[in-house]
Amino acid sequence: MPTAARPAAGLAWFKSSYSGGNTTECLETAFLPSGVLVRDSKRPGDPWLVVSEEAWMRFVRATTHLPCSVRRRDRPGP
């Protein structure tokens, strides 16, 4: 997968609502017209992962149907 090493102007990075208060293991994402950037929130200057829109949507659909206990490790299951 390609990575992006330089910041793109005007990106709006956001964290998942499932991140909670645990700041030690968090990814941030930013949308582009051609896909999604993913970065480690603790190392925003490091290279970013570039994911196509199609791959991102497949990921979101696949993880949306996981049980709560798998999606969010800091809470007990349903």
PDB file of N, CA and C in Angstrom:
ATOM      1  N   MET A   1       0.835  -1.180   0.000  1.00  0.00           N
ATOM      2  CA  MET A   1       0.000   0.000   0.000  1.00  0.00           C
ATOM      3  C   MET A   1       0.874   1.235   0.000  1.00  0.00           C
ATOM      4  N   PRO A   2       0.460   2.250  -0.693  1.00  0.00           N
ATOM      5  CA  PRO A   2       1.254   3.474  -0.741  1.00  0.00           C
ATOM      6  C   PRO A   2       1.166   4.247   0.571  1.00  0.00           C
ATOM      7  N   THR A   3       2.193   5.039   0.814  1.00  0.00           N
ATOM      8  CA  THR A   3       2.181   5.934   1.966  1.00  0.00           C
ATOM      9  C   THR A   3       2.386   7.356   1.479  1.00  0.00           C
ATOM     10  N   ALA A   4       1.952   8.302   2.278  1.00  0.00           N
ATOM     11  CA  ALA A   4       2.136   9.715   1.957  1.00  0.00           C
ATOM     12  C   ALA A   4       3.020  10.327   3.039  1.00  0.00           C
ATOM     13  N   ALA A   5       4.136  10.935   2.659  1.00  0.00           N
ATOM     14  CA  ALA A   5       5.091  11.447   3.629  1.00  0.00           C
ATOM     15  C   ALA A   5       4.910  12.930   3.933  1.00  0.00           C
ATOM     16  N   ARG A   6       4.289  13.667   3.049  1.00  0.00           N
ATOM     17  CA  ARG A   6       4.165  15.117   3.249  1.00  0.00           C
ATOM     18  C   ARG A   6       2.718  15.496   3.523  1.00  0.00           C
ATOM     19  N   PRO A   7       2.538  16.480   4.408  1.00  0.00           N
ATOM     20  CA  PRO A   7       1.172  16.906   4.712  1.00  0.00           C
ATOM     21  C   PRO A   7       0.488  17.529   3.496  1.00  0.00           C
ATOM     22  N   ALA A   8      -0.782  17.268   3.380  1.00  0.00           N
ATOM     23  CA  ALA A   8      -1.595  17.908   2.347  1.00  0.00           C
ATOM     24  C   ALA A   8      -2.332  19.074   2.995  1.00  0.00           C
ATOM     25  N   ALA A   9      -2.388  20.194   2.324  1.00  0.00           N
ATOM     26  CA  ALA A   9      -2.995  21.393   2.892  1.00  0.00           C
ATOM     27  C   ALA A   9      -4.483  21.202   3.146  1.00  0.00           C
ATOM     28  N   GLY A  10      -4.950  21.721   4.267  1.00  0.00           N
ATOM     29  CA  GLY A  10      -6.371  21.758   4.562  1.00  0.00           C
ATOM     30  C   GLY A  10      -7.008  20.430   4.950  1.00  0.00           C
ATOM     31  N   LEU A  11      -6.230  19.464   5.403  1.00  0.00           N
ATOM     32  CA  LEU A  11      -6.824  18.187   5.801  1.00  0.00           C
ATOM     33  C   LEU A  11      -7.497  18.308   7.163  1.00  0.00           C
ATOM     34  N   ALA A  12      -8.639  17.666   7.305  1.00  0.00           N
ATOM     35  CA  ALA A  12      -9.348  17.621   8.585  1.00  0.00           C
ATOM     36  C   ALA A  12      -9.210  16.204   9.133  1.00  0.00           C
ATOM     37  N   TRP A  13      -8.294  15.998  10.068  1.00  0.00           N
ATOM     38  CA  TRP A  13      -8.069  14.686  10.672  1.00  0.00           C
ATOM     39  C   TRP A  13      -9.083  14.457  11.782  1.00  0.00           C
ATOM     40  N   PHE A  14      -9.536  13.218  11.918  1.00  0.00           N
ATOM     41  CA  PHE A  14     -10.464  12.902  13.011  1.00  0.00           C
ATOM     42  C   PHE A  14     -10.202  11.499  13.526  1.00  0.00           C
ATOM     43  N   LYS A  15     -10.605  11.285  14.788  1.00  0.00           N
ATOM     44  CA  LYS A  15     -10.469   9.979  15.425  1.00  0.00           C
ATOM     45  C   LYS A  15     -11.833   9.320  15.481  1.00  0.00           C
ATOM     46  N   SER A  16     -11.837   8.024  15.536  1.00  0.00           N
ATOM     47  CA  SER A  16     -13.076   7.267  15.677  1.00  0.00           C
ATOM     48  C   SER A  16     -13.749   7.593  17.004  1.00  0.00           C
ATOM     49  N   SER A  17     -15.064   7.535  17.017  1.00  0.00           N
ATOM     50  CA  SER A  17     -15.791   7.720  18.277  1.00  0.00           C
ATOM     51  C   SER A  17     -15.506   6.576  19.237  1.00  0.00           C
ATOM     52  N   TYR A  18     -14.957   5.471  18.742  1.00  0.00           N
ATOM     53  CA  TYR A  18     -14.593   4.339  19.588  1.00  0.00           C
ATOM     54  C   TYR A  18     -13.227   4.517  20.237  1.00  0.00           C
ATOM     55  N   SER A  19     -12.528   5.604  19.945  1.00  0.00           N
ATOM     56  CA  SER A  19     -11.215   5.824  20.537  1.00  0.00           C
ATOM     57  C   SER A  19     -11.305   6.058  22.030  1.00  0.00           C
ATOM     58  N   GLY A  20     -12.353   6.728  22.472  1.00  0.00           N
ATOM     59  CA  GLY A  20     -12.520   6.994  23.900  1.00  0.00           C
ATOM     60  C   GLY A  20     -11.380   7.815  24.451  1.00  0.00           C
ATOM     61  N   GLY A  21     -11.068   7.612  25.714  1.00  0.00           N
ATOM     62  CA  GLY A  21     -10.010   8.367  26.369  1.00  0.00           C
ATOM     63  C   GLY A  21      -8.649   7.722  26.247  1.00  0.00           C
ATOM     64  N   ASN A  22      -8.564   6.551  25.656  1.00  0.00           N
ATOM     65  CA  ASN A  22      -7.297   5.851  25.538  1.00  0.00           C
ATOM     66  C   ASN A  22      -6.508   6.444  24.384  1.00  0.00           C
ATOM     67  N   THR A  23      -5.547   7.300  24.702  1.00  0.00           N
ATOM     68  CA  THR A  23      -4.784   7.967  23.653  1.00  0.00           C
ATOM     69  C   THR A  23      -3.529   7.203  23.269  1.00  0.00           C
ATOM     70  N   THR A  24      -3.303   6.020  23.827  1.00  0.00           N
ATOM     71  CA  THR A  24      -2.080   5.282  23.529  1.00  0.00           C
ATOM     72  C   THR A  24      -2.194   4.462  22.252  1.00  0.00           C
ATOM     73  N   GLU A  25      -3.372   4.165  21.775  1.00  0.00           N
ATOM     74  CA  GLU A  25      -3.549   3.337  20.580  1.00  0.00           C
ATOM     75  C   GLU A  25      -4.625   3.932  19.694  1.00  0.00           C
ATOM     76  N   CYS A  26      -4.291   4.980  18.992  1.00  0.00           N
ATOM     77  CA  CYS A  26      -5.327   5.647  18.203  1.00  0.00           C
ATOM     78  C   CYS A  26      -4.827   5.967  16.803  1.00  0.00           C
ATOM     79  N   LEU A  27      -5.705   5.741  15.849  1.00  0.00           N
ATOM     80  CA  LEU A  27      -5.462   6.139  14.477  1.00  0.00           C
ATOM     81  C   LEU A  27      -6.350   7.320  14.153  1.00  0.00           C
ATOM     82  N   GLU A  28      -5.881   8.154  13.255  1.00  0.00           N
ATOM     83  CA  GLU A  28      -6.676   9.268  12.749  1.00  0.00           C
ATOM     84  C   GLU A  28      -6.830   9.085  11.246  1.00  0.00           C
ATOM     85  N   THR A  29      -7.920   9.583  10.733  1.00  0.00           N
ATOM     86  CA  THR A  29      -8.171   9.504   9.300  1.00  0.00           C
ATOM     87  C   THR A  29      -8.527  10.883   8.755  1.00  0.00           C
ATOM     88  N   ALA A  30      -8.276  11.049   7.482  1.00  0.00           N
ATOM     89  CA  ALA A  30      -8.655  12.276   6.766  1.00  0.00           C
ATOM     90  C   ALA A  30      -9.134  11.857   5.380  1.00  0.00           C
ATOM     91  N   PHE A  31     -10.217  12.464   4.941  1.00  0.00           N
ATOM     92  CA  PHE A  31     -10.772  12.125   3.635  1.00  0.00           C
ATOM     93  C   PHE A  31     -10.142  12.972   2.531  1.00  0.00           C
ATOM     94  N   LEU A  32      -9.886  12.325   1.421  1.00  0.00           N
ATOM     95  CA  LEU A  32      -9.413  12.971   0.200  1.00  0.00           C
ATOM     96  C   LEU A  32     -10.432  12.685  -0.892  1.00  0.00           C
ATOM     97  N   PRO A  33     -10.429  13.436  -1.975  1.00  0.00           N
ATOM     98  CA  PRO A  33     -11.336  13.118  -3.079  1.00  0.00           C
ATOM     99  C   PRO A  33     -11.099  11.704  -3.633  1.00  0.00           C
ATOM    100  N   SER A  34      -9.857  11.222  -3.537  1.00  0.00           N
ATOM    101  CA  SER A  34      -9.520   9.916  -4.115  1.00  0.00           C
ATOM    102  C   SER A  34      -9.473   8.782  -3.093  1.00  0.00           C
ATOM    103  N   GLY A  35      -9.707   9.054  -1.810  1.00  0.00           N
ATOM    104  CA  GLY A  35      -9.640   7.993  -0.814  1.00  0.00           C
ATOM    105  C   GLY A  35      -9.501   8.529   0.596  1.00  0.00           C
ATOM    106  N   VAL A  36      -8.734   7.794   1.412  1.00  0.00           N
ATOM    107  CA  VAL A  36      -8.607   8.117   2.836  1.00  0.00           C
ATOM    108  C   VAL A  36      -7.142   8.005   3.248  1.00  0.00           C
ATOM    109  N   LEU A  37      -6.692   8.950   4.062  1.00  0.00           N
ATOM    110  CA  LEU A  37      -5.375   8.870   4.681  1.00  0.00           C
ATOM    111  C   LEU A  37      -5.555   8.344   6.096  1.00  0.00           C
ATOM    112  N   VAL A  38      -4.622   7.510   6.553  1.00  0.00           N
ATOM    113  CA  VAL A  38      -4.652   6.969   7.908  1.00  0.00           C
ATOM    114  C   VAL A  38      -3.289   7.225   8.524  1.00  0.00           C
ATOM    115  N   ARG A  39      -3.270   7.742   9.769  1.00  0.00           N
ATOM    116  CA  ARG A  39      -2.000   7.998  10.440  1.00  0.00           C
ATOM    117  C   ARG A  39      -2.081   7.634  11.913  1.00  0.00           C
ATOM    118  N   ASP A  40      -0.920   7.465  12.506  1.00  0.00           N
ATOM    119  CA  ASP A  40      -0.797   7.230  13.940  1.00  0.00           C
ATOM    120  C   ASP A  40      -0.912   8.591  14.624  1.00  0.00           C
ATOM    121  N   SER A  41      -1.861   8.741  15.540  1.00  0.00           N
ATOM    122  CA  SER A  41      -2.075  10.043  16.170  1.00  0.00           C
ATOM    123  C   SER A  41      -0.880  10.486  17.013  1.00  0.00           C
ATOM    124  N   LYS A  42      -0.068   9.544  17.472  1.00  0.00           N
ATOM    125  CA  LYS A  42       1.104   9.896  18.267  1.00  0.00           C
ATOM    126  C   LYS A  42       2.279  10.340  17.398  1.00  0.00           C
ATOM    127  N   ARG A  43       2.224  10.033  16.103  1.00  0.00           N
ATOM    128  CA  ARG A  43       3.310  10.360  15.179  1.00  0.00           C
ATOM    129  C   ARG A  43       2.751  10.980  13.899  1.00  0.00           C
ATOM    130  N   PRO A  44       2.107  12.124  14.014  1.00  0.00           N
ATOM    131  CA  PRO A  44       1.450  12.707  12.838  1.00  0.00           C
ATOM    132  C   PRO A  44       2.408  13.106  11.722  1.00  0.00           C
ATOM    133  N   GLY A  45       3.689  13.267  12.020  1.00  0.00           N
ATOM    134  CA  GLY A  45       4.652  13.643  10.993  1.00  0.00           C
ATOM    135  C   GLY A  45       5.211  12.463  10.220  1.00  0.00           C
ATOM    136  N   ASP A  46       4.972  11.249  10.701  1.00  0.00           N
ATOM    137  CA  ASP A  46       5.438  10.053   9.994  1.00  0.00           C
ATOM    138  C   ASP A  46       4.604   9.825   8.736  1.00  0.00           C
ATOM    139  N   PRO A  47       5.057   8.956   7.837  1.00  0.00           N
ATOM    140  CA  PRO A  47       4.265   8.675   6.622  1.00  0.00           C
ATOM    141  C   PRO A  47       2.863   8.166   6.954  1.00  0.00           C
ATOM    142  N   TRP A  48       1.935   8.481   6.084  1.00  0.00           N
ATOM    143  CA  TRP A  48       0.538   8.083   6.259  1.00  0.00           C
ATOM    144  C   TRP A  48       0.200   6.986   5.278  1.00  0.00           C
ATOM    145  N   LEU A  49      -0.716   6.146   5.659  1.00  0.00           N
ATOM    146  CA  LEU A  49      -1.223   5.109   4.774  1.00  0.00           C
ATOM    147  C   LEU A  49      -2.295   5.712   3.875  1.00  0.00           C
ATOM    148  N   VAL A  50      -2.230   5.440   2.588  1.00  0.00           N
ATOM    149  CA  VAL A  50      -3.220   5.931   1.633  1.00  0.00           C
ATOM    150  C   VAL A  50      -4.099   4.751   1.231  1.00  0.00           C
ATOM    151  N   VAL A  51      -5.410   4.876   1.458  1.00  0.00           N
ATOM    152  CA  VAL A  51      -6.355   3.798   1.181  1.00  0.00           C
ATOM    153  C   VAL A  51      -7.379   4.303   0.167  1.00  0.00           C
ATOM    154  N   SER A  52      -7.682   3.486  -0.820  1.00  0.00           N
ATOM    155  CA  SER A  52      -8.680   3.892  -1.813  1.00  0.00           C
ATOM    156  C   SER A  52     -10.051   3.992  -1.154  1.00  0.00           C
ATOM    157  N   GLU A  53     -10.933   4.758  -1.776  1.00  0.00           N
ATOM    158  CA  GLU A  53     -12.295   4.892  -1.255  1.00  0.00           C
ATOM    159  C   GLU A  53     -12.990   3.531  -1.190  1.00  0.00           C
ATOM    160  N   GLU A  54     -12.792   2.720  -2.214  1.00  0.00           N
ATOM    161  CA  GLU A  54     -13.418   1.397  -2.258  1.00  0.00           C
ATOM    162  C   GLU A  54     -12.920   0.506  -1.110  1.00  0.00           C
ATOM    163  N   ALA A  55     -11.604   0.493  -0.878  1.00  0.00           N
ATOM    164  CA  ALA A  55     -11.041  -0.321   0.207  1.00  0.00           C
ATOM    165  C   ALA A  55     -11.529   0.176   1.562  1.00  0.00           C
ATOM    166  N   TRP A  56     -11.618   1.498   1.737  1.00  0.00           N
ATOM    167  CA  TRP A  56     -12.091   2.059   3.004  1.00  0.00           C
ATOM    168  C   TRP A  56     -13.538   1.649   3.267  1.00  0.00           C
ATOM    169  N   MET A  57     -14.372   1.718   2.246  1.00  0.00           N
ATOM    170  CA  MET A  57     -15.780   1.347   2.425  1.00  0.00           C
ATOM    171  C   MET A  57     -15.916  -0.137   2.755  1.00  0.00           C
ATOM    172  N   ARG A  58     -15.113  -0.984   2.133  1.00  0.00           N
ATOM    173  CA  ARG A  58     -15.134  -2.419   2.467  1.00  0.00           C
ATOM    174  C   ARG A  58     -14.724  -2.628   3.921  1.00  0.00           C
ATOM    175  N   PHE A  59     -13.709  -1.912   4.377  1.00  0.00           N
ATOM    176  CA  PHE A  59     -13.260  -1.998   5.761  1.00  0.00           C
ATOM    177  C   PHE A  59     -14.371  -1.564   6.724  1.00  0.00           C
ATOM    178  N   VAL A  60     -14.989  -0.427   6.448  1.00  0.00           N
ATOM    179  CA  VAL A  60     -16.054   0.081   7.321  1.00  0.00           C
ATOM    180  C   VAL A  60     -17.225  -0.897   7.365  1.00  0.00           C
ATOM    181  N   ARG A  61     -17.645  -1.406   6.219  1.00  0.00           N
ATOM    182  CA  ARG A  61     -18.754  -2.374   6.201  1.00  0.00           C
ATOM    183  C   ARG A  61     -18.396  -3.637   6.977  1.00  0.00           C
ATOM    184  N   ALA A  62     -17.182  -4.122   6.820  1.00  0.00           N
ATOM    185  CA  ALA A  62     -16.770  -5.361   7.503  1.00  0.00           C
ATOM    186  C   ALA A  62     -16.686  -5.180   9.011  1.00  0.00           C
ATOM    187  N   THR A  63     -16.213  -4.037   9.463  1.00  0.00           N
ATOM    188  CA  THR A  63     -16.048  -3.841  10.907  1.00  0.00           C
ATOM    189  C   THR A  63     -17.318  -3.361  11.591  1.00  0.00           C
ATOM    190  N   THR A  64     -18.242  -2.805  10.863  1.00  0.00           N
ATOM    191  CA  THR A  64     -19.496  -2.337  11.453  1.00  0.00           C
ATOM    192  C   THR A  64     -20.302  -3.492  12.012  1.00  0.00           C
ATOM    193  N   HIS A  65     -20.159  -4.672  11.440  1.00  0.00           N
ATOM    194  CA  HIS A  65     -20.961  -5.823  11.859  1.00  0.00           C
ATOM    195  C   HIS A  65     -20.278  -6.681  12.918  1.00  0.00           C
ATOM    196  N   LEU A  66     -19.108  -6.249  13.406  1.00  0.00           N
ATOM    197  CA  LEU A  66     -18.432  -7.006  14.452  1.00  0.00           C
ATOM    198  C   LEU A  66     -19.116  -6.785  15.789  1.00  0.00           C
ATOM    199  N   PRO A  67     -19.080  -7.760  16.682  1.00  0.00           N
ATOM    200  CA  PRO A  67     -19.648  -7.551  18.021  1.00  0.00           C
ATOM    201  C   PRO A  67     -18.917  -6.428  18.731  1.00  0.00           C
ATOM    202  N   CYS A  68     -19.603  -5.767  19.615  1.00  0.00           N
ATOM    203  CA  CYS A  68     -19.045  -4.643  20.359  1.00  0.00           C
ATOM    204  C   CYS A  68     -17.742  -5.031  21.071  1.00  0.00           C
ATOM    205  N   SER A  69     -17.675  -6.231  21.611  1.00  0.00           N
ATOM    206  CA  SER A  69     -16.488  -6.644  22.361  1.00  0.00           C
ATOM    207  C   SER A  69     -15.254  -6.710  21.465  1.00  0.00           C
ATOM    208  N   VAL A  70     -15.423  -6.922  20.174  1.00  0.00           N
ATOM    209  CA  VAL A  70     -14.295  -6.962  19.255  1.00  0.00           C
ATOM    210  C   VAL A  70     -13.934  -5.553  18.812  1.00  0.00           C
ATOM    211  N   ARG A  71     -14.933  -4.722  18.547  1.00  0.00           N
ATOM    212  CA  ARG A  71     -14.682  -3.358  18.076  1.00  0.00           C
ATOM    213  C   ARG A  71     -14.071  -2.493  19.157  1.00  0.00           C
ATOM    214  N   ARG A  72     -14.441  -2.710  20.402  1.00  0.00           N
ATOM    215  CA  ARG A  72     -13.988  -1.844  21.475  1.00  0.00           C
ATOM    216  C   ARG A  72     -13.471  -2.696  22.617  1.00  0.00           C
ATOM    217  N   ARG A  73     -12.157  -2.760  22.734  1.00  0.00           N
ATOM    218  CA  ARG A  73     -11.552  -3.634  23.721  1.00  0.00           C
ATOM    219  C   ARG A  73     -11.675  -3.121  25.137  1.00  0.00           C
ATOM    220  N   ASP A  74     -11.908  -1.815  25.341  1.00  0.00           N
ATOM    221  CA  ASP A  74     -11.938  -1.293  26.705  1.00  0.00           C
ATOM    222  C   ASP A  74     -13.306  -1.432  27.356  1.00  0.00           C
ATOM    223  N   ARG A  75     -14.254  -2.033  26.671  1.00  0.00           N
ATOM    224  CA  ARG A  75     -15.585  -2.273  27.245  1.00  0.00           C
ATOM    225  C   ARG A  75     -15.937  -3.735  27.137  1.00  0.00           C
ATOM    226  N   PRO A  76     -16.702  -4.243  28.082  1.00  0.00           N
ATOM    227  CA  PRO A  76     -17.157  -5.638  27.961  1.00  0.00           C
ATOM    228  C   PRO A  76     -18.112  -5.804  26.785  1.00  0.00           C
ATOM    229  N   GLY A  77     -18.271  -7.026  26.335  1.00  0.00           N
ATOM    230  CA  GLY A  77     -19.157  -7.323  25.204  1.00  0.00           C
ATOM    231  C   GLY A  77     -20.596  -6.991  25.485  1.00  0.00           C
ATOM    232  N   PRO A  78     -21.475  -7.176  24.472  1.00  0.00           N
ATOM    233  CA  PRO A  78     -22.886  -6.806  24.575  1.00  0.00           C
ATOM    234  C   PRO A  78     -23.627  -7.517  25.685  1.00  0.00           C
TER     235      PRO A  78
END
